[in-house]
N, C-alpha and C. Protein backbone atom coordinates (compact mmCIF):
# COMPACT_ATOMS: atom_id res chain seq x y z
N MET A 1 8.27 -0.13 9.36
CA MET A 1 8.44 0.55 8.08
C MET A 1 8.04 -0.41 6.96
N LEU A 2 7.43 0.18 5.96
CA LEU A 2 7.04 -0.57 4.78
C LEU A 2 7.47 0.24 3.55
N VAL A 3 8.19 -0.40 2.64
CA VAL A 3 8.59 0.23 1.39
C VAL A 3 7.76 -0.40 0.28
N VAL A 4 6.80 0.37 -0.23
CA VAL A 4 5.90 -0.08 -1.27
C VAL A 4 6.32 0.58 -2.58
N TYR A 5 6.28 -0.19 -3.68
CA TYR A 5 6.65 0.42 -4.95
C TYR A 5 5.98 -0.28 -6.12
N PHE A 6 5.81 0.49 -7.19
CA PHE A 6 5.43 -0.03 -8.49
C PHE A 6 6.56 0.35 -9.43
N SER A 7 7.04 -0.62 -10.20
CA SER A 7 8.14 -0.36 -11.12
C SER A 7 7.84 -1.00 -12.45
N HIS A 8 7.95 -0.22 -13.50
CA HIS A 8 7.74 -0.76 -14.84
C HIS A 8 9.06 -1.13 -15.50
N SER A 9 10.01 -0.22 -15.52
CA SER A 9 11.29 -0.46 -16.19
C SER A 9 12.35 -1.05 -15.28
N GLY A 10 12.10 -1.02 -13.97
CA GLY A 10 13.08 -1.49 -13.00
C GLY A 10 13.76 -0.38 -12.23
N ASN A 11 13.66 0.87 -12.71
CA ASN A 11 14.30 1.99 -12.03
C ASN A 11 13.75 2.21 -10.63
N THR A 12 12.44 2.20 -10.49
CA THR A 12 11.85 2.44 -9.18
C THR A 12 12.18 1.30 -8.22
N ARG A 13 12.27 0.08 -8.73
CA ARG A 13 12.67 -1.06 -7.91
C ARG A 13 14.07 -0.85 -7.34
N VAL A 14 14.98 -0.34 -8.15
CA VAL A 14 16.35 -0.08 -7.69
C VAL A 14 16.33 0.91 -6.53
N VAL A 15 15.59 2.00 -6.67
CA VAL A 15 15.51 3.00 -5.61
C VAL A 15 14.84 2.41 -4.37
N ALA A 16 13.76 1.66 -4.56
CA ALA A 16 13.07 1.03 -3.43
C ALA A 16 14.00 0.09 -2.67
N ASP A 17 14.79 -0.68 -3.40
CA ASP A 17 15.74 -1.59 -2.75
C ASP A 17 16.79 -0.83 -1.95
N LYS A 18 17.24 0.30 -2.48
CA LYS A 18 18.23 1.12 -1.77
C LYS A 18 17.62 1.69 -0.48
N ILE A 19 16.38 2.17 -0.56
CA ILE A 19 15.70 2.70 0.63
C ILE A 19 15.50 1.59 1.65
N HIS A 20 15.00 0.45 1.19
CA HIS A 20 14.76 -0.69 2.08
C HIS A 20 16.03 -1.12 2.80
N ALA A 21 17.16 -1.12 2.10
CA ALA A 21 18.44 -1.50 2.71
C ALA A 21 18.82 -0.55 3.84
N LEU A 22 18.42 0.71 3.73
CA LEU A 22 18.76 1.71 4.75
C LEU A 22 17.77 1.77 5.90
N VAL A 23 16.49 1.52 5.63
CA VAL A 23 15.48 1.69 6.69
C VAL A 23 14.98 0.37 7.26
N GLY A 24 15.20 -0.72 6.57
CA GLY A 24 14.71 -2.01 7.05
C GLY A 24 13.21 -2.16 6.87
N GLY A 25 12.62 -2.97 7.71
CA GLY A 25 11.18 -3.22 7.61
C GLY A 25 10.87 -4.20 6.50
N GLU A 26 9.73 -4.00 5.88
CA GLU A 26 9.29 -4.87 4.81
C GLU A 26 9.30 -4.13 3.48
N SER A 27 9.37 -4.90 2.41
CA SER A 27 9.30 -4.36 1.07
C SER A 27 8.14 -5.04 0.35
N PHE A 28 7.42 -4.28 -0.46
CA PHE A 28 6.23 -4.80 -1.13
C PHE A 28 6.11 -4.21 -2.52
N GLU A 29 5.97 -5.06 -3.52
CA GLU A 29 5.81 -4.60 -4.89
C GLU A 29 4.34 -4.60 -5.29
N ILE A 30 3.87 -3.49 -5.81
CA ILE A 30 2.52 -3.38 -6.35
C ILE A 30 2.56 -3.98 -7.76
N VAL A 31 1.72 -4.98 -7.97
CA VAL A 31 1.71 -5.68 -9.26
C VAL A 31 0.28 -5.68 -9.80
N PRO A 32 0.05 -5.02 -10.93
CA PRO A 32 -1.29 -5.05 -11.52
C PRO A 32 -1.58 -6.43 -12.13
N VAL A 33 -2.86 -6.80 -12.12
CA VAL A 33 -3.27 -8.07 -12.71
C VAL A 33 -2.86 -8.14 -14.17
N HIS A 34 -3.06 -7.06 -14.89
CA HIS A 34 -2.70 -6.99 -16.31
C HIS A 34 -1.45 -6.11 -16.45
N PRO A 35 -0.31 -6.73 -16.77
CA PRO A 35 0.94 -5.96 -16.88
C PRO A 35 0.87 -4.91 -17.99
N TYR A 36 1.67 -3.89 -17.82
CA TYR A 36 1.77 -2.86 -18.85
C TYR A 36 2.63 -3.38 -19.99
N PRO A 37 2.38 -2.90 -21.20
CA PRO A 37 3.20 -3.33 -22.34
C PRO A 37 4.68 -3.01 -22.10
N ALA A 38 5.55 -3.88 -22.55
CA ALA A 38 6.98 -3.63 -22.41
C ALA A 38 7.44 -2.54 -23.36
N GLU A 39 6.82 -2.43 -24.50
CA GLU A 39 7.19 -1.43 -25.49
C GLU A 39 6.81 -0.04 -24.98
N TYR A 40 7.77 0.88 -25.00
CA TYR A 40 7.62 2.19 -24.38
C TYR A 40 6.38 2.95 -24.86
N ARG A 41 6.23 3.13 -26.17
CA ARG A 41 5.11 3.94 -26.68
C ARG A 41 3.75 3.33 -26.30
N GLN A 42 3.64 2.03 -26.36
CA GLN A 42 2.38 1.38 -25.98
C GLN A 42 2.09 1.59 -24.49
N CYS A 43 3.13 1.48 -23.67
CA CYS A 43 2.97 1.69 -22.23
C CYS A 43 2.53 3.13 -21.95
N VAL A 44 3.18 4.09 -22.59
CA VAL A 44 2.86 5.51 -22.40
C VAL A 44 1.41 5.79 -22.81
N GLU A 45 1.00 5.23 -23.92
CA GLU A 45 -0.38 5.44 -24.38
C GLU A 45 -1.40 4.82 -23.43
N GLN A 46 -1.11 3.62 -22.95
CA GLN A 46 -2.02 2.98 -22.00
C GLN A 46 -2.11 3.79 -20.71
N ALA A 47 -0.96 4.24 -20.22
CA ALA A 47 -0.94 5.04 -18.99
C ALA A 47 -1.72 6.34 -19.17
N LYS A 48 -1.56 6.97 -20.31
CA LYS A 48 -2.28 8.22 -20.60
C LYS A 48 -3.79 7.97 -20.63
N GLN A 49 -4.20 6.90 -21.27
CA GLN A 49 -5.62 6.57 -21.37
C GLN A 49 -6.21 6.24 -20.00
N GLU A 50 -5.47 5.48 -19.19
CA GLU A 50 -5.95 5.16 -17.84
C GLU A 50 -6.13 6.41 -17.00
N LEU A 51 -5.18 7.32 -17.09
CA LEU A 51 -5.29 8.57 -16.34
C LEU A 51 -6.49 9.37 -16.82
N HIS A 52 -6.65 9.49 -18.12
CA HIS A 52 -7.77 10.22 -18.71
C HIS A 52 -9.11 9.63 -18.28
N ASP A 53 -9.19 8.29 -18.25
CA ASP A 53 -10.44 7.61 -17.91
C ASP A 53 -10.60 7.35 -16.41
N ASN A 54 -9.61 7.77 -15.61
CA ASN A 54 -9.65 7.59 -14.16
C ASN A 54 -9.79 6.12 -13.77
N VAL A 55 -9.07 5.26 -14.47
CA VAL A 55 -9.13 3.81 -14.28
C VAL A 55 -8.41 3.43 -12.99
N ARG A 56 -8.92 2.42 -12.32
CA ARG A 56 -8.26 1.84 -11.14
C ARG A 56 -7.93 0.38 -11.49
N PRO A 57 -6.71 0.13 -11.98
CA PRO A 57 -6.35 -1.24 -12.36
C PRO A 57 -6.43 -2.19 -11.16
N GLN A 58 -6.88 -3.38 -11.42
CA GLN A 58 -6.94 -4.40 -10.38
C GLN A 58 -5.51 -4.85 -10.06
N LEU A 59 -5.23 -5.05 -8.78
CA LEU A 59 -3.90 -5.45 -8.34
C LEU A 59 -3.88 -6.93 -7.97
N SER A 60 -2.76 -7.58 -8.25
CA SER A 60 -2.66 -9.01 -7.95
C SER A 60 -1.98 -9.26 -6.60
N THR A 61 -1.51 -8.21 -5.97
CA THR A 61 -0.84 -8.35 -4.68
C THR A 61 -1.55 -7.49 -3.63
N ARG A 62 -1.41 -7.90 -2.37
CA ARG A 62 -2.06 -7.18 -1.28
C ARG A 62 -1.17 -7.25 -0.04
N VAL A 63 -1.02 -6.12 0.66
CA VAL A 63 -0.29 -6.11 1.93
C VAL A 63 -1.16 -6.84 2.95
N THR A 64 -0.59 -7.85 3.59
CA THR A 64 -1.40 -8.67 4.50
C THR A 64 -1.69 -7.99 5.83
N ASP A 65 -0.79 -7.14 6.31
CA ASP A 65 -0.99 -6.52 7.62
C ASP A 65 -0.61 -5.04 7.59
N MET A 66 -1.39 -4.25 6.87
CA MET A 66 -1.10 -2.82 6.76
C MET A 66 -1.18 -2.13 8.13
N VAL A 67 -2.01 -2.61 9.02
CA VAL A 67 -2.17 -2.00 10.34
C VAL A 67 -0.84 -1.97 11.09
N ALA A 68 0.03 -2.92 10.82
CA ALA A 68 1.31 -3.02 11.53
C ALA A 68 2.32 -1.95 11.12
N HIS A 69 2.02 -1.22 10.07
CA HIS A 69 2.99 -0.26 9.53
C HIS A 69 2.50 1.17 9.73
N ASP A 70 3.26 1.95 10.52
CA ASP A 70 2.94 3.36 10.74
C ASP A 70 3.56 4.27 9.69
N THR A 71 4.68 3.82 9.13
CA THR A 71 5.39 4.61 8.13
C THR A 71 5.47 3.80 6.84
N VAL A 72 5.00 4.42 5.76
CA VAL A 72 4.95 3.73 4.47
C VAL A 72 5.62 4.59 3.40
N PHE A 73 6.71 4.09 2.86
CA PHE A 73 7.33 4.71 1.69
C PHE A 73 6.54 4.24 0.48
N VAL A 74 6.23 5.16 -0.43
CA VAL A 74 5.43 4.83 -1.61
C VAL A 74 6.21 5.28 -2.84
N GLY A 75 6.63 4.31 -3.66
CA GLY A 75 7.47 4.62 -4.81
C GLY A 75 6.83 4.26 -6.14
N PHE A 76 7.17 5.06 -7.16
CA PHE A 76 6.53 4.91 -8.46
C PHE A 76 7.30 5.68 -9.52
N PRO A 77 7.14 5.30 -10.78
CA PRO A 77 7.63 6.16 -11.86
C PRO A 77 6.64 7.30 -12.07
N ASN A 78 7.11 8.47 -12.39
CA ASN A 78 6.21 9.58 -12.69
C ASN A 78 5.70 9.39 -14.12
N TRP A 79 4.41 9.17 -14.23
CA TRP A 79 3.77 9.03 -15.55
C TRP A 79 2.76 10.16 -15.68
N TRP A 80 2.91 10.98 -16.68
CA TRP A 80 1.98 12.08 -16.97
C TRP A 80 1.84 13.01 -15.76
N SER A 81 2.96 13.32 -15.14
CA SER A 81 3.05 14.27 -14.02
C SER A 81 2.40 13.80 -12.73
N THR A 82 2.14 12.50 -12.60
CA THR A 82 1.61 11.97 -11.35
C THR A 82 1.98 10.50 -11.24
N MET A 83 1.32 9.82 -10.34
CA MET A 83 1.55 8.40 -10.12
C MET A 83 0.82 7.58 -11.18
N PRO A 84 1.36 6.40 -11.53
CA PRO A 84 0.60 5.48 -12.37
C PRO A 84 -0.68 5.06 -11.64
N MET A 85 -1.70 4.72 -12.39
CA MET A 85 -2.99 4.41 -11.80
C MET A 85 -2.99 3.22 -10.84
N PRO A 86 -2.07 2.24 -10.95
CA PRO A 86 -2.03 1.20 -9.92
C PRO A 86 -1.76 1.76 -8.52
N LEU A 87 -1.07 2.91 -8.44
CA LEU A 87 -0.86 3.54 -7.14
C LEU A 87 -2.16 4.07 -6.57
N TRP A 88 -3.01 4.58 -7.44
CA TRP A 88 -4.32 5.05 -6.99
C TRP A 88 -5.11 3.87 -6.43
N SER A 89 -5.07 2.76 -7.15
CA SER A 89 -5.75 1.54 -6.67
C SER A 89 -5.22 1.14 -5.30
N PHE A 90 -3.90 1.16 -5.15
CA PHE A 90 -3.28 0.76 -3.90
C PHE A 90 -3.67 1.69 -2.76
N LEU A 91 -3.52 3.00 -2.98
CA LEU A 91 -3.79 3.95 -1.90
C LEU A 91 -5.26 3.96 -1.49
N GLU A 92 -6.16 3.65 -2.41
CA GLU A 92 -7.58 3.60 -2.06
C GLU A 92 -7.98 2.29 -1.39
N ALA A 93 -7.10 1.31 -1.41
CA ALA A 93 -7.44 -0.01 -0.86
C ALA A 93 -7.19 -0.13 0.64
N TYR A 94 -6.53 0.86 1.24
CA TYR A 94 -6.17 0.77 2.66
C TYR A 94 -6.54 2.06 3.38
N ASP A 95 -6.62 1.97 4.70
CA ASP A 95 -6.87 3.14 5.53
C ASP A 95 -5.52 3.67 6.01
N PHE A 96 -5.14 4.84 5.52
CA PHE A 96 -3.86 5.44 5.89
C PHE A 96 -4.02 6.49 6.99
N SER A 97 -5.15 6.53 7.65
CA SER A 97 -5.39 7.49 8.73
C SER A 97 -4.32 7.33 9.81
N GLY A 98 -3.68 8.44 10.16
CA GLY A 98 -2.67 8.43 11.21
C GLY A 98 -1.31 7.89 10.78
N LYS A 99 -1.18 7.43 9.57
CA LYS A 99 0.10 6.90 9.08
C LYS A 99 0.92 8.02 8.44
N THR A 100 2.20 7.77 8.31
CA THR A 100 3.10 8.68 7.62
C THR A 100 3.43 8.07 6.27
N ILE A 101 3.19 8.83 5.21
CA ILE A 101 3.51 8.38 3.86
C ILE A 101 4.68 9.22 3.35
N ILE A 102 5.67 8.53 2.80
CA ILE A 102 6.85 9.20 2.28
C ILE A 102 7.00 8.81 0.81
N PRO A 103 6.64 9.71 -0.10
CA PRO A 103 6.69 9.37 -1.52
C PRO A 103 8.09 9.48 -2.13
N PHE A 104 8.34 8.62 -3.11
CA PHE A 104 9.55 8.74 -3.91
C PHE A 104 9.22 8.30 -5.33
N CYS A 105 9.90 8.91 -6.27
CA CYS A 105 9.62 8.56 -7.67
C CYS A 105 10.88 8.58 -8.50
N THR A 106 10.78 7.91 -9.63
CA THR A 106 11.78 8.03 -10.68
C THR A 106 11.10 8.78 -11.81
N HIS A 107 11.89 9.51 -12.59
CA HIS A 107 11.27 10.36 -13.59
C HIS A 107 12.24 10.65 -14.73
N GLY A 108 11.69 11.19 -15.79
CA GLY A 108 12.50 11.57 -16.94
C GLY A 108 12.70 13.07 -17.04
N GLY A 109 12.24 13.82 -16.04
CA GLY A 109 12.43 15.28 -16.07
C GLY A 109 11.35 16.04 -15.33
N THR A 110 10.27 15.38 -14.96
CA THR A 110 9.16 16.10 -14.32
C THR A 110 9.13 15.96 -12.80
N LYS A 111 10.15 15.35 -12.25
CA LYS A 111 10.28 15.17 -10.79
C LYS A 111 9.01 14.56 -10.21
N LEU A 112 8.49 15.09 -9.11
CA LEU A 112 7.30 14.53 -8.47
C LEU A 112 6.00 14.99 -9.12
N GLY A 113 6.09 15.99 -10.01
CA GLY A 113 4.87 16.47 -10.66
C GLY A 113 3.83 16.87 -9.63
N ARG A 114 2.60 16.43 -9.84
CA ARG A 114 1.52 16.71 -8.88
C ARG A 114 1.19 15.50 -8.00
N SER A 115 2.10 14.51 -7.98
CA SER A 115 1.82 13.27 -7.25
C SER A 115 1.61 13.50 -5.76
N VAL A 116 2.37 14.39 -5.14
CA VAL A 116 2.21 14.62 -3.70
C VAL A 116 0.82 15.18 -3.42
N GLU A 117 0.37 16.10 -4.25
CA GLU A 117 -0.98 16.64 -4.07
C GLU A 117 -2.03 15.55 -4.25
N ASP A 118 -1.81 14.66 -5.21
CA ASP A 118 -2.75 13.56 -5.42
C ASP A 118 -2.76 12.59 -4.24
N ILE A 119 -1.60 12.32 -3.66
CA ILE A 119 -1.53 11.46 -2.48
C ILE A 119 -2.30 12.11 -1.32
N LYS A 120 -2.13 13.41 -1.16
CA LYS A 120 -2.84 14.12 -0.09
C LYS A 120 -4.35 14.03 -0.27
N LYS A 121 -4.82 14.08 -1.51
CA LYS A 121 -6.26 13.94 -1.77
C LYS A 121 -6.75 12.54 -1.46
N LEU A 122 -5.94 11.53 -1.82
CA LEU A 122 -6.34 10.14 -1.60
C LEU A 122 -6.21 9.72 -0.14
N CYS A 123 -5.32 10.34 0.59
CA CYS A 123 -5.04 9.95 1.98
C CYS A 123 -5.06 11.19 2.88
N PRO A 124 -6.21 11.83 3.00
CA PRO A 124 -6.27 13.12 3.70
C PRO A 124 -5.96 13.06 5.20
N LEU A 125 -6.05 11.89 5.80
CA LEU A 125 -5.80 11.76 7.23
C LEU A 125 -4.41 11.22 7.54
N ALA A 126 -3.55 11.16 6.51
CA ALA A 126 -2.17 10.73 6.69
C ALA A 126 -1.26 11.95 6.71
N THR A 127 -0.10 11.78 7.29
CA THR A 127 0.95 12.80 7.24
C THR A 127 1.82 12.47 6.04
N ILE A 128 2.01 13.43 5.15
CA ILE A 128 2.81 13.22 3.95
C ILE A 128 4.12 13.99 4.11
N LEU A 129 5.23 13.27 4.12
CA LEU A 129 6.53 13.92 4.25
C LEU A 129 7.07 14.31 2.87
N LYS A 130 8.15 15.06 2.88
CA LYS A 130 8.79 15.53 1.65
C LYS A 130 9.21 14.33 0.80
N GLY A 131 8.86 14.40 -0.46
CA GLY A 131 9.20 13.31 -1.37
C GLY A 131 10.58 13.44 -1.97
N LEU A 132 11.00 12.36 -2.63
CA LEU A 132 12.28 12.32 -3.31
C LEU A 132 12.04 11.96 -4.77
N ALA A 133 12.68 12.69 -5.67
CA ALA A 133 12.59 12.41 -7.10
C ALA A 133 13.99 12.12 -7.62
N ILE A 134 14.14 10.94 -8.23
CA ILE A 134 15.42 10.52 -8.80
C ILE A 134 15.25 10.38 -10.30
N LYS A 135 16.08 11.05 -11.06
CA LYS A 135 16.03 10.93 -12.51
C LYS A 135 16.38 9.49 -12.91
N GLY A 136 15.63 8.97 -13.86
CA GLY A 136 15.78 7.57 -14.26
C GLY A 136 17.19 7.15 -14.58
N ASN A 137 17.94 8.02 -15.23
CA ASN A 137 19.31 7.64 -15.60
C ASN A 137 20.30 7.82 -14.45
N SER A 138 19.81 8.18 -13.26
CA SER A 138 20.68 8.38 -12.10
C SER A 138 20.42 7.39 -10.98
N VAL A 139 19.54 6.42 -11.19
CA VAL A 139 19.16 5.54 -10.08
C VAL A 139 20.35 4.74 -9.54
N GLN A 140 21.24 4.31 -10.41
CA GLN A 140 22.36 3.49 -9.94
C GLN A 140 23.32 4.27 -9.05
N THR A 141 23.36 5.58 -9.21
CA THR A 141 24.30 6.41 -8.44
C THR A 141 23.57 7.30 -7.43
N SER A 142 22.37 6.90 -7.03
CA SER A 142 21.54 7.76 -6.17
C SER A 142 21.71 7.51 -4.68
N ASP A 143 22.65 6.67 -4.27
CA ASP A 143 22.80 6.32 -2.86
C ASP A 143 22.95 7.54 -1.95
N GLY A 144 23.81 8.47 -2.34
CA GLY A 144 24.03 9.67 -1.52
C GLY A 144 22.79 10.52 -1.40
N ASP A 145 22.07 10.71 -2.51
CA ASP A 145 20.84 11.50 -2.48
C ASP A 145 19.79 10.84 -1.59
N ILE A 146 19.68 9.54 -1.67
CA ILE A 146 18.71 8.81 -0.84
C ILE A 146 19.06 8.94 0.63
N ALA A 147 20.31 8.71 0.97
CA ALA A 147 20.74 8.80 2.37
C ALA A 147 20.52 10.20 2.93
N GLN A 148 20.84 11.23 2.15
CA GLN A 148 20.64 12.61 2.60
C GLN A 148 19.16 12.89 2.83
N TRP A 149 18.30 12.45 1.91
CA TRP A 149 16.85 12.64 2.03
C TRP A 149 16.31 11.94 3.27
N LEU A 150 16.79 10.73 3.55
CA LEU A 150 16.34 10.01 4.75
C LEU A 150 16.80 10.70 6.02
N ARG A 151 18.01 11.26 6.01
CA ARG A 151 18.49 12.02 7.16
C ARG A 151 17.65 13.27 7.37
N GLU A 152 17.41 14.03 6.27
CA GLU A 152 16.64 15.26 6.37
C GLU A 152 15.20 14.99 6.81
N SER A 153 14.69 13.82 6.49
CA SER A 153 13.32 13.44 6.88
C SER A 153 13.26 12.91 8.30
N GLY A 154 14.44 12.72 8.93
CA GLY A 154 14.47 12.21 10.30
C GLY A 154 14.27 10.70 10.38
N ILE A 155 14.40 10.01 9.26
CA ILE A 155 14.18 8.56 9.25
C ILE A 155 15.42 7.81 9.72
N VAL A 156 16.59 8.26 9.28
CA VAL A 156 17.86 7.68 9.71
C VAL A 156 18.76 8.80 10.21
N ASN A 157 19.75 8.41 10.99
CA ASN A 157 20.72 9.39 11.54
C ASN A 157 21.85 9.64 10.59
């Protein structure tokens, strides 16, 4: 198992850590070469522009042995109803054929948006399981929701 995530505010990192604690395996943070602005409005505008321009930000981290992982949790904040563009860079950098991808996101109200459909387009030969969406202000108390989702997905008993 591999738990991969991109986190800007720290919310997605909290959820990724909770998942990792329950499923084990490895954890991996997606880190863009050029960090996003800390200021909310600047970050939102940059994310909007990247999505509009179909930008693939360069990443400073790389999974060393993706072949060893059959199941990959992919976590991200929902930006503009989909994944931030560093996730696009990440998903296009590896061959996910035959792998199982399990998406999870943090959000301010739009849940998973169209991210699952976008993952299916980027990884057409992977199996995509039901995703989990955790509202940003609920991440600290999301343990029960995460455990139930993992049980329903058949990942844990």
